[in-house]
Protein backbone atom coordinates (compact mmCIF):
# COMPACT_ATOMS: atom_id res chain seq x y z
CA MET A 1 0.01 -0.06 0.13
CA ARG A 2 1.37 3.53 -0.63
CA ASP A 3 2.33 5.65 2.12
CA GLU A 4 0.71 8.82 3.49
CA ALA A 5 2.90 11.27 2.08
CA GLU A 6 2.45 9.86 -1.52
CA ILE A 7 -1.46 9.78 -0.85
CA ARG A 8 -1.45 13.64 0.18
CA GLU A 9 0.59 14.38 -2.81
CA GLN A 10 -1.76 12.78 -5.40
CA TYR A 11 -4.78 14.38 -3.16
CA GLU A 12 -3.12 18.05 -3.94
CA PHE A 13 -1.91 17.12 -7.50
CA LEU A 14 -6.02 16.26 -8.38
CA ALA A 15 -7.29 19.35 -6.26
CA GLU A 16 -5.41 21.83 -7.72
CA GLN A 17 -6.00 20.22 -11.06
CA LEU A 18 -9.74 20.34 -10.55
CA ALA A 19 -10.26 24.55 -9.67
CA SER A 20 -7.75 24.88 -12.66
CA ASP A 21 -9.59 26.84 -15.55
CA GLU A 22 -8.53 23.66 -18.23
CA MET A 23 -10.96 21.55 -16.19
CA ARG A 24 -13.87 22.80 -18.18
CA HIS A 25 -15.44 19.13 -19.30
CA GLU A 26 -17.92 18.13 -17.14
CA GLY A 27 -17.25 14.20 -17.47
CA VAL A 28 -13.96 14.76 -16.64
CA ARG A 29 -14.61 17.23 -13.76
CA GLN A 30 -16.40 14.94 -12.24
CA MET A 31 -14.13 11.87 -12.13
CA PHE A 32 -11.97 14.22 -10.49
CA THR A 33 -14.40 14.71 -7.72
CA HIS A 34 -14.78 11.41 -7.38
CA TYR A 35 -11.60 10.42 -6.82
CA LYS A 36 -10.71 13.24 -4.56
CA ARG A 37 -13.25 12.03 -2.91
CA ALA A 38 -11.93 8.07 -2.44
CA LEU A 39 -8.59 10.05 -1.74
CA GLY A 40 -9.99 11.46 0.90
CA TRP A 41 -12.07 9.04 2.88
CA VAL A 42 -8.63 6.53 2.45
CA LEU A 43 -6.81 9.53 4.56
CA GLU A 44 -9.32 9.74 6.53
CA GLU A 45 -9.49 5.79 7.58
CA GLU A 46 -5.84 6.00 7.93
CA HIS A 47 -6.07 8.10 11.10
CA MET A 48 -8.93 6.80 12.91
């Protein structure tokens, strides 16, 4: 399994990409939103 630093790095990257003006296609935006949410759940579970 990946370490916390790697997961945090991916989460931050996705958050930046989602906020970018280049992310205009709704399907891509939804995909990143779901992936970002899933990574957030993984991080929360690791700290419980």
